[in-house]
Every structure is written in C-alpha cells, then in structure tokens.
C-alpha cells in the first residue's frame, strides 16, 4: 500500500519542478511578396497546306488545320483581350502562257476560321468562347475574353484551329508559269490587344 501512495505523489512533485513561472515572449514578423505583371502574348500559326480542290459543279471547299495557338495573359489586370486577324485576298500570280498573264483572285471573305474549343491552363480563369468567323480584309475577332475579375487571366490553348476556303464555282484554276503552279496565296495578320 505504501507503494501506491508514493506513485500518487510523484506527479505532483514533477509538476512543481517543471512549472516555474516563465513568461513566454511573443514575436511577430511580416512576410511580403511583390506580384509583378507580365505581358499579353500569343503564338499563332496557319495550316502548312490546304487540301487540293478540283473545279467541278458548284463551289468546293479547301480545308486545313493549323497547329495549336496559345494566348498568355500575365498582366494580372483582368482587362479583356481579343485575338484578331485580317486576311488579304487570295491571289494566283501571273503565269507565262497566254491566258494566264493576269492575276487571279479569290476574295478574302471566302475564308472562314473556326478556332474551336479554347482550353484553360492550370489556375487560369474560365476559357473564352468562340465560333466560326468569316474573314475579311478588315480585322475580325477570333477569340475574345471578358473584362473584369473573371477576365481570361492565365494561359489558354486553342488545340486545332480549322481554316476553310470556299472556292466559287466560277473561280479560275491556279496560274501556271515556267516555275510550276502558282497557288493562290494570302497573307494573314494576327494581332492581340
């Protein structure tokens, strides 16, 4: 029985030894981080080639798919942005044979670009929506984001934009020169703002 009493008194003795009056000091500090804005940038492409078209009855459509486009909005402002493009008329350069000495033209408005689904990168805002756009020699909006706190901040990918050129039934074939076929060519200017 004496052993039981000794055990009961040990914790009390231990408390007395380890609980001297010690005042704990509190320390505070501040952690800071500067978030610096980046830029609004894009990387775009056009199809390496379009499908060949054989003139026949009715209009024909030539298709091509570009490699992925990307847009990065690292400005951190929430300001909206628009990826736009303008297109020159499609021109087949003059050939060398009689009857092929004139420039042949398919107008720019025969081209449509369908950006397709826009995918948001990790941590980015919701992806903007887009649809099929009939092109013009004037700038046309391809992908736009809203302004504000839910603007398209972050990185976005357009995996497979599709280009479709309608060849009218009354179009001329490509001119031919000493150097071969002169395909119809157009210059596309992309801008982001």
N, C-alpha and C. Protein backbone atom coordinates (compact mmCIF):
# COMPACT_ATOMS: atom_id res chain seq x y z
N UNK A 1 0.78 -1.17 0.00
CA UNK A 1 0.00 0.00 0.00
C UNK A 1 0.84 1.26 0.00
N UNK A 2 1.92 1.19 0.63
CA UNK A 2 2.82 2.32 0.67
C UNK A 2 3.32 2.67 -0.74
N UNK A 3 3.47 1.73 -1.58
CA UNK A 3 3.92 1.95 -2.94
C UNK A 3 2.88 2.76 -3.70
N UNK A 4 1.62 2.48 -3.51
CA UNK A 4 0.58 3.22 -4.19
C UNK A 4 0.57 4.68 -3.82
N UNK A 5 0.88 5.01 -2.61
CA UNK A 5 0.90 6.40 -2.20
C UNK A 5 2.08 7.14 -2.81
N UNK A 6 3.14 6.46 -2.92
CA UNK A 6 4.33 7.07 -3.50
C UNK A 6 4.07 7.44 -4.97
N UNK A 7 3.41 6.55 -5.69
CA UNK A 7 3.11 6.81 -7.09
C UNK A 7 2.17 8.00 -7.23
N UNK A 8 1.24 8.13 -6.35
CA UNK A 8 0.30 9.23 -6.45
C UNK A 8 0.96 10.56 -6.15
N UNK A 9 1.97 10.59 -5.37
CA UNK A 9 2.61 11.84 -5.04
C UNK A 9 3.71 12.23 -6.03
N UNK A 10 4.17 11.33 -6.86
CA UNK A 10 5.22 11.65 -7.84
C UNK A 10 4.77 12.67 -8.89
N UNK A 11 3.61 12.55 -9.48
CA UNK A 11 3.22 13.54 -10.48
C UNK A 11 3.12 14.93 -9.89
N UNK A 12 2.68 15.08 -8.68
CA UNK A 12 2.59 16.39 -8.06
C UNK A 12 3.97 17.00 -7.88
N UNK A 13 4.91 16.18 -7.48
CA UNK A 13 6.28 16.66 -7.33
C UNK A 13 6.86 17.06 -8.68
N UNK A 14 6.55 16.28 -9.71
CA UNK A 14 7.06 16.60 -11.04
C UNK A 14 6.48 17.92 -11.54
N UNK A 15 5.24 18.19 -11.26
CA UNK A 15 4.63 19.44 -11.67
C UNK A 15 5.29 20.63 -10.98
N UNK A 16 5.63 20.47 -9.79
CA UNK A 16 6.25 21.54 -9.05
C UNK A 16 7.64 21.87 -9.61
N UNK A 17 8.31 20.86 -10.10
CA UNK A 17 9.66 21.05 -10.61
C UNK A 17 9.64 21.70 -11.99
N UNK A 18 8.72 21.30 -12.86
CA UNK A 18 8.77 21.79 -14.23
C UNK A 18 7.86 22.99 -14.50
N UNK A 19 7.20 23.49 -13.54
CA UNK A 19 6.34 24.62 -13.81
C UNK A 19 6.78 25.87 -13.06
N UNK A 20 8.03 26.28 -13.25
CA UNK A 20 8.42 27.55 -12.65
C UNK A 20 7.73 28.66 -13.43
N UNK A 21 7.59 29.83 -12.89
CA UNK A 21 6.92 30.96 -13.54
C UNK A 21 7.80 31.49 -14.64
N UNK A 22 7.50 31.11 -15.89
CA UNK A 22 8.26 31.55 -17.06
C UNK A 22 7.31 32.33 -17.96
N UNK A 23 7.67 33.53 -18.31
CA UNK A 23 6.86 34.33 -19.21
C UNK A 23 7.31 34.05 -20.64
N UNK A 24 6.38 33.66 -21.51
CA UNK A 24 6.70 33.40 -22.91
C UNK A 24 6.64 34.71 -23.68
N UNK A 25 7.67 35.00 -24.47
CA UNK A 25 7.69 36.21 -25.28
C UNK A 25 7.02 35.92 -26.63
N UNK A 26 6.23 36.83 -27.13
CA UNK A 26 5.59 36.71 -28.42
C UNK A 26 6.35 37.53 -29.44
N UNK A 27 6.58 36.95 -30.61
CA UNK A 27 7.27 37.67 -31.67
C UNK A 27 6.41 37.65 -32.92
N UNK A 28 6.37 38.74 -33.61
CA UNK A 28 5.65 38.80 -34.88
C UNK A 28 6.59 39.36 -35.95
N UNK A 29 6.32 38.98 -37.17
CA UNK A 29 7.11 39.47 -38.30
C UNK A 29 6.18 39.55 -39.49
N UNK A 30 6.59 40.21 -40.54
CA UNK A 30 5.78 40.39 -41.74
C UNK A 30 6.46 39.73 -42.92
N UNK A 31 5.70 38.99 -43.70
CA UNK A 31 6.19 38.39 -44.93
C UNK A 31 5.58 39.18 -46.08
N UNK A 32 6.40 39.57 -47.03
CA UNK A 32 5.92 40.35 -48.17
C UNK A 32 6.29 39.66 -49.47
N UNK A 33 5.46 39.87 -50.47
CA UNK A 33 5.76 39.38 -51.81
C UNK A 33 5.24 40.41 -52.80
N UNK A 34 6.05 40.71 -53.79
CA UNK A 34 5.62 41.61 -54.86
C UNK A 34 5.19 40.75 -56.04
N UNK A 35 4.00 41.01 -56.56
CA UNK A 35 3.50 40.31 -57.73
C UNK A 35 3.62 41.27 -58.89
N UNK A 36 4.52 40.96 -59.80
CA UNK A 36 4.84 41.85 -60.92
C UNK A 36 4.10 41.36 -62.16
N UNK A 37 3.55 42.30 -62.89
CA UNK A 37 2.80 41.92 -64.09
C UNK A 37 3.74 41.49 -65.20
N UNK A 38 3.20 40.62 -66.06
CA UNK A 38 3.91 40.18 -67.25
C UNK A 38 3.28 40.82 -68.47
N UNK A 39 3.26 40.08 -69.56
CA UNK A 39 2.76 40.62 -70.82
C UNK A 39 1.59 39.81 -71.34
N UNK A 40 0.92 40.37 -72.32
CA UNK A 40 -0.11 39.68 -73.08
C UNK A 40 0.56 39.23 -74.37
N UNK A 41 0.69 37.93 -74.56
CA UNK A 41 1.39 37.41 -75.75
C UNK A 41 0.59 36.27 -76.37
N UNK A 42 0.86 36.03 -77.63
CA UNK A 42 0.20 34.94 -78.34
C UNK A 42 1.19 34.26 -79.28
N UNK A 43 0.90 33.02 -79.58
CA UNK A 43 1.64 32.27 -80.58
C UNK A 43 0.59 31.63 -81.49
N UNK A 44 0.62 31.99 -82.76
CA UNK A 44 -0.39 31.50 -83.71
C UNK A 44 0.29 30.92 -84.94
N UNK A 45 -0.48 30.19 -85.71
CA UNK A 45 0.05 29.59 -86.94
C UNK A 45 -1.09 29.47 -87.95
N UNK A 46 -0.72 29.16 -89.16
CA UNK A 46 -1.68 28.86 -90.22
C UNK A 46 -1.40 27.43 -90.69
N UNK A 47 -2.34 26.81 -91.40
CA UNK A 47 -2.08 25.45 -91.89
C UNK A 47 -0.85 25.42 -92.80
N UNK A 48 -0.08 24.36 -92.71
CA UNK A 48 1.07 24.19 -93.60
C UNK A 48 0.62 24.03 -95.04
N UNK A 49 -0.57 23.54 -95.22
CA UNK A 49 -1.14 23.38 -96.56
C UNK A 49 -2.64 23.21 -96.43
N UNK A 50 -3.31 23.48 -97.50
CA UNK A 50 -4.76 23.30 -97.56
C UNK A 50 -5.03 22.16 -98.54
N UNK A 51 -6.16 21.49 -98.37
CA UNK A 51 -6.50 20.39 -99.27
C UNK A 51 -6.69 20.91 -100.69
N UNK A 52 -6.27 20.12 -101.66
CA UNK A 52 -6.42 20.50 -103.07
C UNK A 52 -7.89 20.45 -103.45
N UNK A 53 -8.27 21.29 -104.42
CA UNK A 53 -9.65 21.35 -104.88
C UNK A 53 -9.66 21.15 -106.38
N UNK A 54 -10.59 20.33 -106.84
CA UNK A 54 -10.79 20.12 -108.28
C UNK A 54 -12.07 20.85 -108.64
N UNK A 55 -11.96 21.77 -109.58
CA UNK A 55 -13.14 22.52 -110.01
C UNK A 55 -14.16 21.58 -110.62
N UNK A 56 -15.41 21.83 -110.33
CA UNK A 56 -16.49 20.99 -110.84
C UNK A 56 -17.78 21.75 -110.76
N UNK A 57 -18.83 21.03 -110.50
CA UNK A 57 -20.14 21.65 -110.38
C UNK A 57 -20.28 22.18 -108.96
N UNK A 58 -20.61 23.46 -108.85
CA UNK A 58 -20.81 24.06 -107.54
C UNK A 58 -19.50 24.46 -106.88
N UNK A 59 -19.63 25.11 -105.77
CA UNK A 59 -18.47 25.55 -105.00
C UNK A 59 -17.79 24.36 -104.35
N UNK A 60 -16.51 24.49 -104.13
CA UNK A 60 -15.72 23.46 -103.45
C UNK A 60 -15.09 24.10 -102.21
N UNK A 61 -14.71 23.29 -101.23
CA UNK A 61 -14.10 23.83 -100.01
C UNK A 61 -12.77 23.15 -99.77
N UNK A 62 -11.76 23.97 -99.56
CA UNK A 62 -10.42 23.50 -99.21
C UNK A 62 -10.24 23.69 -97.71
N UNK A 63 -9.77 22.65 -97.02
CA UNK A 63 -9.61 22.71 -95.56
C UNK A 63 -8.15 22.55 -95.17
N UNK A 64 -7.83 23.12 -94.03
CA UNK A 64 -6.51 22.94 -93.43
C UNK A 64 -6.60 23.19 -91.93
N UNK A 65 -5.77 22.50 -91.17
CA UNK A 65 -5.76 22.66 -89.72
C UNK A 65 -4.41 23.20 -89.29
N UNK A 66 -4.44 24.25 -88.51
CA UNK A 66 -3.20 24.86 -88.00
C UNK A 66 -2.74 24.12 -86.75
N UNK A 67 -1.48 24.29 -86.42
CA UNK A 67 -1.00 23.77 -85.14
C UNK A 67 -1.57 24.65 -84.03
N UNK A 68 -1.50 24.17 -82.82
CA UNK A 68 -2.14 24.84 -81.68
C UNK A 68 -1.72 26.30 -81.54
N UNK A 69 -2.69 27.13 -81.17
CA UNK A 69 -2.44 28.53 -80.83
C UNK A 69 -2.36 28.63 -79.31
N UNK A 70 -1.67 29.64 -78.82
CA UNK A 70 -1.67 29.88 -77.38
C UNK A 70 -1.80 31.38 -77.12
N UNK A 71 -2.43 31.69 -76.00
CA UNK A 71 -2.54 33.07 -75.52
C UNK A 71 -2.15 33.03 -74.04
N UNK A 72 -1.27 33.93 -73.64
CA UNK A 72 -0.90 34.06 -72.23
C UNK A 72 -1.15 35.50 -71.81
N UNK A 73 -2.05 35.65 -70.83
CA UNK A 73 -2.32 36.97 -70.27
C UNK A 73 -1.74 36.99 -68.86
N UNK A 74 -0.53 37.51 -68.76
CA UNK A 74 0.18 37.59 -67.47
C UNK A 74 0.17 39.00 -66.91
N UNK A 75 -0.73 39.85 -67.44
CA UNK A 75 -0.78 41.24 -67.00
C UNK A 75 -1.33 41.37 -65.58
N UNK A 76 -2.19 40.44 -65.18
CA UNK A 76 -2.76 40.47 -63.84
C UNK A 76 -3.74 41.60 -63.60
N UNK A 77 -4.33 42.14 -64.67
CA UNK A 77 -5.23 43.29 -64.53
C UNK A 77 -6.70 42.91 -64.64
N UNK A 78 -7.00 41.79 -65.26
CA UNK A 78 -8.39 41.44 -65.52
C UNK A 78 -8.96 42.14 -66.73
N UNK A 79 -8.13 42.96 -67.41
CA UNK A 79 -8.60 43.62 -68.63
C UNK A 79 -8.83 42.57 -69.70
N UNK A 80 -9.87 42.74 -70.48
CA UNK A 80 -10.15 41.79 -71.55
C UNK A 80 -9.11 41.86 -72.66
N UNK A 81 -9.12 40.87 -73.52
CA UNK A 81 -8.22 40.86 -74.67
C UNK A 81 -8.96 40.22 -75.85
N UNK A 82 -8.47 40.52 -77.06
CA UNK A 82 -9.04 39.95 -78.27
C UNK A 82 -7.91 39.55 -79.22
N UNK A 83 -7.96 38.30 -79.67
CA UNK A 83 -7.06 37.82 -80.72
C UNK A 83 -7.81 37.99 -82.02
N UNK A 84 -7.26 38.82 -82.93
CA UNK A 84 -7.92 39.15 -84.20
C UNK A 84 -7.02 38.80 -85.37
N UNK A 85 -7.63 38.78 -86.55
CA UNK A 85 -6.84 38.55 -87.77
C UNK A 85 -7.52 39.25 -88.94
N UNK A 86 -6.70 39.66 -89.88
CA UNK A 86 -7.19 40.16 -91.17
C UNK A 86 -6.49 39.36 -92.25
N UNK A 87 -7.11 39.29 -93.41
CA UNK A 87 -6.64 38.43 -94.49
C UNK A 87 -6.62 39.22 -95.79
N UNK A 88 -5.57 39.05 -96.57
CA UNK A 88 -5.58 39.64 -97.91
C UNK A 88 -6.33 38.70 -98.85
N UNK A 89 -6.75 39.22 -100.00
CA UNK A 89 -7.37 38.36 -101.00
C UNK A 89 -6.38 37.27 -101.40
N UNK A 90 -6.90 36.11 -101.76
CA UNK A 90 -6.06 35.01 -102.24
C UNK A 90 -5.74 35.28 -103.71
N UNK A 91 -4.46 35.26 -104.04
CA UNK A 91 -4.02 35.64 -105.38
C UNK A 91 -3.14 34.55 -105.97
N UNK A 92 -3.42 34.19 -107.24
CA UNK A 92 -2.54 33.32 -108.01
C UNK A 92 -1.74 34.24 -108.93
N UNK A 93 -0.43 34.26 -108.74
CA UNK A 93 0.44 35.15 -109.51
C UNK A 93 0.33 34.85 -111.01
N UNK A 94 0.60 35.84 -111.85
CA UNK A 94 0.52 35.62 -113.30
C UNK A 94 1.42 34.48 -113.75
N UNK A 95 0.93 33.76 -114.74
CA UNK A 95 1.72 32.69 -115.34
C UNK A 95 2.48 33.20 -116.56
N UNK A 96 2.97 32.28 -117.36
CA UNK A 96 3.77 32.68 -118.52
C UNK A 96 3.09 32.36 -119.85
N UNK A 97 2.02 31.60 -119.80
CA UNK A 97 1.32 31.23 -121.04
C UNK A 97 0.23 32.24 -121.35
N UNK A 98 -0.13 32.40 -122.63
CA UNK A 98 -1.26 33.27 -122.98
C UNK A 98 -2.50 32.81 -122.21
N UNK A 99 -3.27 33.75 -121.74
CA UNK A 99 -4.47 33.44 -120.96
C UNK A 99 -4.17 33.27 -119.47
N UNK A 100 -2.91 33.26 -119.11
CA UNK A 100 -2.54 33.12 -117.70
C UNK A 100 -1.66 34.28 -117.25
N UNK A 101 -1.72 35.37 -117.98
CA UNK A 101 -0.87 36.51 -117.66
C UNK A 101 -1.50 37.46 -116.64
N UNK A 102 -2.78 37.23 -116.30
CA UNK A 102 -3.46 38.07 -115.33
C UNK A 102 -3.42 37.44 -113.94
N UNK A 103 -3.42 38.30 -112.95
CA UNK A 103 -3.53 37.84 -111.56
C UNK A 103 -4.94 37.28 -111.38
N UNK A 104 -5.04 36.14 -110.71
CA UNK A 104 -6.35 35.55 -110.43
C UNK A 104 -6.62 35.69 -108.93
N UNK A 105 -7.87 36.02 -108.60
CA UNK A 105 -8.19 36.37 -107.21
C UNK A 105 -9.39 35.58 -106.69
N UNK A 106 -9.27 35.12 -105.47
CA UNK A 106 -10.40 34.61 -104.68
C UNK A 106 -10.46 35.54 -103.47
N UNK A 107 -11.60 36.19 -103.25
CA UNK A 107 -11.68 37.21 -102.21
C UNK A 107 -11.55 36.64 -100.80
N UNK A 108 -11.05 37.48 -99.91
CA UNK A 108 -10.76 37.10 -98.53
C UNK A 108 -11.98 36.57 -97.79
N UNK A 109 -13.17 37.08 -98.14
CA UNK A 109 -14.37 36.66 -97.40
C UNK A 109 -14.81 35.24 -97.71
N UNK A 110 -14.07 34.56 -98.58
CA UNK A 110 -14.33 33.13 -98.82
C UNK A 110 -13.64 32.25 -97.79
N UNK A 111 -12.83 32.85 -96.92
CA UNK A 111 -12.13 32.09 -95.87
C UNK A 111 -12.89 32.19 -94.55
N UNK A 112 -13.10 31.06 -93.91
CA UNK A 112 -13.59 31.05 -92.53
C UNK A 112 -12.54 30.38 -91.67
N UNK A 113 -12.44 30.87 -90.44
CA UNK A 113 -11.55 30.26 -89.46
C UNK A 113 -12.41 29.86 -88.27
N UNK A 114 -12.30 28.61 -87.88
CA UNK A 114 -13.01 28.09 -86.72
C UNK A 114 -11.97 27.74 -85.67
N UNK A 115 -11.75 28.63 -84.69
CA UNK A 115 -10.74 28.33 -83.67
C UNK A 115 -11.05 27.05 -82.89
N UNK A 116 -12.31 26.79 -82.63
CA UNK A 116 -12.68 25.59 -81.87
C UNK A 116 -12.61 25.84 -80.37
N UNK A 117 -12.52 24.76 -79.62
CA UNK A 117 -12.52 24.83 -78.16
C UNK A 117 -11.26 25.51 -77.64
N UNK A 118 -11.45 26.40 -76.68
CA UNK A 118 -10.32 27.04 -76.00
C UNK A 118 -10.15 26.34 -74.66
N UNK A 119 -8.93 25.94 -74.34
CA UNK A 119 -8.65 25.21 -73.09
C UNK A 119 -7.86 26.10 -72.14
N UNK A 120 -8.34 26.20 -70.90
CA UNK A 120 -7.64 26.99 -69.87
C UNK A 120 -6.48 26.19 -69.31
N UNK A 121 -5.35 26.88 -69.06
CA UNK A 121 -4.21 26.26 -68.40
C UNK A 121 -4.46 26.16 -66.91
N UNK A 122 -3.55 25.50 -66.19
CA UNK A 122 -3.67 25.33 -64.74
C UNK A 122 -3.81 26.68 -64.04
N UNK A 123 -4.84 26.83 -63.23
CA UNK A 123 -5.04 28.04 -62.45
C UNK A 123 -5.56 29.23 -63.22
N UNK A 124 -5.82 29.08 -64.51
CA UNK A 124 -6.30 30.20 -65.33
C UNK A 124 -7.80 30.40 -65.12
N UNK A 125 -8.29 31.57 -65.52
CA UNK A 125 -9.72 31.84 -65.49
C UNK A 125 -10.43 30.93 -66.49
N UNK A 126 -11.75 30.98 -66.49
CA UNK A 126 -12.54 30.19 -67.44
C UNK A 126 -12.17 30.57 -68.87
N UNK A 127 -12.16 29.59 -69.74
CA UNK A 127 -11.79 29.81 -71.14
C UNK A 127 -12.86 30.62 -71.87
N UNK A 128 -12.43 31.54 -72.73
CA UNK A 128 -13.39 32.28 -73.55
C UNK A 128 -14.03 31.37 -74.59
N UNK A 129 -15.19 31.76 -75.09
CA UNK A 129 -15.90 31.01 -76.13
C UNK A 129 -15.61 31.61 -77.49
N UNK A 130 -15.76 30.82 -78.53
CA UNK A 130 -15.52 31.29 -79.88
C UNK A 130 -16.37 30.49 -80.85
N UNK A 131 -16.39 30.91 -82.10
CA UNK A 131 -17.16 30.20 -83.12
C UNK A 131 -16.53 30.40 -84.48
N UNK A 132 -17.23 29.99 -85.52
CA UNK A 132 -16.73 30.14 -86.89
C UNK A 132 -16.76 31.63 -87.26
N UNK A 133 -15.65 32.11 -87.82
CA UNK A 133 -15.53 33.52 -88.18
C UNK A 133 -15.28 33.65 -89.69
N UNK A 134 -16.14 34.42 -90.38
CA UNK A 134 -15.91 34.71 -91.80
C UNK A 134 -14.89 35.83 -91.85
N UNK A 135 -13.80 35.59 -92.54
CA UNK A 135 -12.69 36.53 -92.57
C UNK A 135 -12.95 37.67 -93.55
N UNK A 136 -12.09 38.66 -93.47
CA UNK A 136 -12.22 39.88 -94.27
C UNK A 136 -10.85 40.54 -94.36
N UNK A 137 -10.76 41.53 -95.23
CA UNK A 137 -9.53 42.32 -95.27
C UNK A 137 -9.45 43.24 -94.06
N UNK A 138 -10.58 43.40 -93.34
CA UNK A 138 -10.60 44.14 -92.07
C UNK A 138 -10.42 43.14 -90.93
N UNK A 139 -9.88 43.60 -89.84
CA UNK A 139 -9.61 42.74 -88.70
C UNK A 139 -10.89 42.13 -88.13
N UNK A 140 -10.88 40.84 -87.87
CA UNK A 140 -12.02 40.10 -87.31
C UNK A 140 -11.59 39.45 -86.00
N UNK A 141 -12.44 39.53 -84.98
CA UNK A 141 -12.14 38.92 -83.68
C UNK A 141 -12.29 37.40 -83.78
N UNK A 142 -11.22 36.69 -83.41
CA UNK A 142 -11.25 35.22 -83.43
C UNK A 142 -11.55 34.65 -82.05
N UNK A 143 -10.88 35.17 -81.03
CA UNK A 143 -11.09 34.74 -79.64
C UNK A 143 -11.05 35.99 -78.78
N UNK A 144 -12.06 36.15 -77.91
CA UNK A 144 -12.13 37.33 -77.03
C UNK A 144 -12.40 36.89 -75.60
N UNK A 145 -11.83 37.63 -74.66
CA UNK A 145 -12.11 37.38 -73.24
C UNK A 145 -12.85 38.57 -72.67
N UNK A 146 -13.64 38.34 -71.62
CA UNK A 146 -14.33 39.46 -70.99
C UNK A 146 -13.38 40.27 -70.11
N UNK A 147 -13.77 41.49 -69.79
CA UNK A 147 -13.01 42.31 -68.84
C UNK A 147 -13.56 42.07 -67.45
N UNK A 148 -12.77 42.36 -66.44
CA UNK A 148 -13.24 42.28 -65.05
C UNK A 148 -12.56 41.18 -64.28
N UNK A 149 -13.09 40.91 -63.12
CA UNK A 149 -12.44 39.94 -62.24
C UNK A 149 -12.49 38.53 -62.79
N UNK A 150 -13.40 38.26 -63.70
CA UNK A 150 -13.46 36.93 -64.32
C UNK A 150 -12.91 36.96 -65.74
N UNK A 151 -12.11 37.97 -66.05
CA UNK A 151 -11.47 38.05 -67.37
C UNK A 151 -10.55 36.86 -67.57
N UNK A 152 -10.08 36.66 -68.75
CA UNK A 152 -9.26 35.49 -69.07
C UNK A 152 -7.80 35.74 -68.71
N UNK A 153 -7.50 35.65 -67.41
CA UNK A 153 -6.11 35.76 -66.94
C UNK A 153 -5.50 34.37 -66.92
N UNK A 154 -4.26 34.26 -67.31
CA UNK A 154 -3.58 32.96 -67.32
C UNK A 154 -3.22 32.55 -68.73
N UNK A 155 -3.10 31.23 -68.92
CA UNK A 155 -2.71 30.73 -70.25
C UNK A 155 -3.85 29.91 -70.85
N UNK A 156 -3.95 29.99 -72.17
CA UNK A 156 -5.03 29.34 -72.90
C UNK A 156 -4.48 28.73 -74.18
N UNK A 157 -5.06 27.59 -74.58
CA UNK A 157 -4.63 26.90 -75.79
C UNK A 157 -5.83 26.66 -76.69
N UNK A 158 -5.63 26.89 -77.97
CA UNK A 158 -6.62 26.55 -79.00
C UNK A 158 -5.96 25.40 -79.77
N UNK A 159 -6.37 24.15 -79.49
CA UNK A 159 -5.62 22.99 -80.00
C UNK A 159 -5.54 22.81 -81.51
N UNK A 160 -6.63 23.08 -82.24
CA UNK A 160 -6.62 22.75 -83.67
C UNK A 160 -7.52 23.68 -84.48
N UNK A 161 -7.11 24.93 -84.68
CA UNK A 161 -7.93 25.85 -85.48
C UNK A 161 -8.07 25.34 -86.93
N UNK A 162 -9.29 25.41 -87.45
CA UNK A 162 -9.57 24.92 -88.80
C UNK A 162 -9.81 26.10 -89.74
N UNK A 163 -9.13 26.08 -90.87
CA UNK A 163 -9.28 27.08 -91.93
C UNK A 163 -10.03 26.43 -93.08
N UNK A 164 -11.07 27.11 -93.58
CA UNK A 164 -11.86 26.58 -94.70
C UNK A 164 -12.00 27.68 -95.76
N UNK A 165 -11.53 27.38 -96.97
CA UNK A 165 -11.61 28.34 -98.07
C UNK A 165 -12.59 27.82 -99.10
N UNK A 166 -13.68 28.58 -99.30
CA UNK A 166 -14.67 28.22 -100.32
C UNK A 166 -14.17 28.70 -101.67
N UNK A 167 -14.08 27.77 -102.61
CA UNK A 167 -13.66 28.09 -103.98
C UNK A 167 -14.94 28.19 -104.81
N UNK A 168 -15.27 29.40 -105.26
CA UNK A 168 -16.52 29.55 -106.03
C UNK A 168 -16.49 28.71 -107.31
N UNK A 169 -17.68 28.33 -107.77
CA UNK A 169 -17.77 27.51 -108.99
C UNK A 169 -17.19 28.23 -110.19
N UNK A 170 -17.22 29.57 -110.19
CA UNK A 170 -16.70 30.32 -111.34
C UNK A 170 -15.24 30.75 -111.17
N UNK A 171 -14.54 30.15 -110.21
CA UNK A 171 -13.13 30.51 -109.98
C UNK A 171 -12.25 29.98 -111.11
N UNK A 172 -11.16 30.70 -111.35
CA UNK A 172 -10.15 30.23 -112.30
C UNK A 172 -9.22 29.26 -111.57
N UNK A 173 -8.65 28.34 -112.34
CA UNK A 173 -7.63 27.47 -111.74
C UNK A 173 -6.39 28.30 -111.47
N UNK A 174 -5.48 27.76 -110.68
CA UNK A 174 -4.22 28.46 -110.40
C UNK A 174 -3.45 28.67 -111.69
N UNK A 175 -2.80 29.82 -111.82
CA UNK A 175 -1.95 30.08 -112.98
C UNK A 175 -0.75 29.14 -112.97
N UNK A 176 -0.19 28.93 -114.17
CA UNK A 176 1.00 28.09 -114.30
C UNK A 176 2.07 28.91 -114.98
N UNK A 177 3.28 28.84 -114.43
CA UNK A 177 4.41 29.56 -115.02
C UNK A 177 5.52 28.58 -115.32
N UNK A 178 6.65 29.09 -115.79
CA UNK A 178 7.80 28.24 -116.09
C UNK A 178 8.29 27.52 -114.84
N UNK A 179 8.00 28.11 -113.68
CA UNK A 179 8.44 27.52 -112.41
C UNK A 179 7.38 26.62 -111.78
N UNK A 180 6.31 26.30 -112.50
CA UNK A 180 5.27 25.42 -111.99
C UNK A 180 3.99 26.16 -111.65
N UNK A 181 3.15 25.51 -110.88
CA UNK A 181 1.86 26.06 -110.50
C UNK A 181 2.05 27.22 -109.53
N UNK A 182 1.28 28.29 -109.74
CA UNK A 182 1.29 29.43 -108.83
C UNK A 182 0.04 29.33 -107.95
N UNK A 183 0.16 28.70 -106.79
CA UNK A 183 -1.02 28.52 -105.95
C UNK A 183 -1.59 29.87 -105.49
N UNK A 184 -2.85 29.85 -105.14
CA UNK A 184 -3.47 31.04 -104.55
C UNK A 184 -2.84 31.25 -103.18
N UNK A 185 -2.40 32.48 -102.91
CA UNK A 185 -1.75 32.80 -101.63
C UNK A 185 -2.42 34.01 -101.00
N UNK A 186 -2.39 34.02 -99.68
CA UNK A 186 -2.94 35.14 -98.91
C UNK A 186 -2.03 35.38 -97.72
N UNK A 187 -2.01 36.61 -97.25
CA UNK A 187 -1.26 36.94 -96.04
C UNK A 187 -2.27 37.18 -94.92
N UNK A 188 -2.03 36.54 -93.79
CA UNK A 188 -2.90 36.70 -92.64
C UNK A 188 -2.11 37.43 -91.57
N UNK A 189 -2.69 38.50 -91.05
CA UNK A 189 -2.03 39.28 -89.99
C UNK A 189 -2.83 39.08 -88.70
N UNK A 190 -2.16 38.51 -87.68
CA UNK A 190 -2.79 38.30 -86.37
C UNK A 190 -2.36 39.43 -85.44
N UNK A 191 -3.29 39.86 -84.59
CA UNK A 191 -2.96 40.86 -83.56
C UNK A 191 -3.65 40.44 -82.26
N UNK A 192 -3.05 40.85 -81.14
CA UNK A 192 -3.70 40.63 -79.85
C UNK A 192 -3.62 41.94 -79.08
N UNK A 193 -4.74 42.32 -78.53
CA UNK A 193 -4.79 43.57 -77.76
C UNK A 193 -5.88 43.46 -76.70
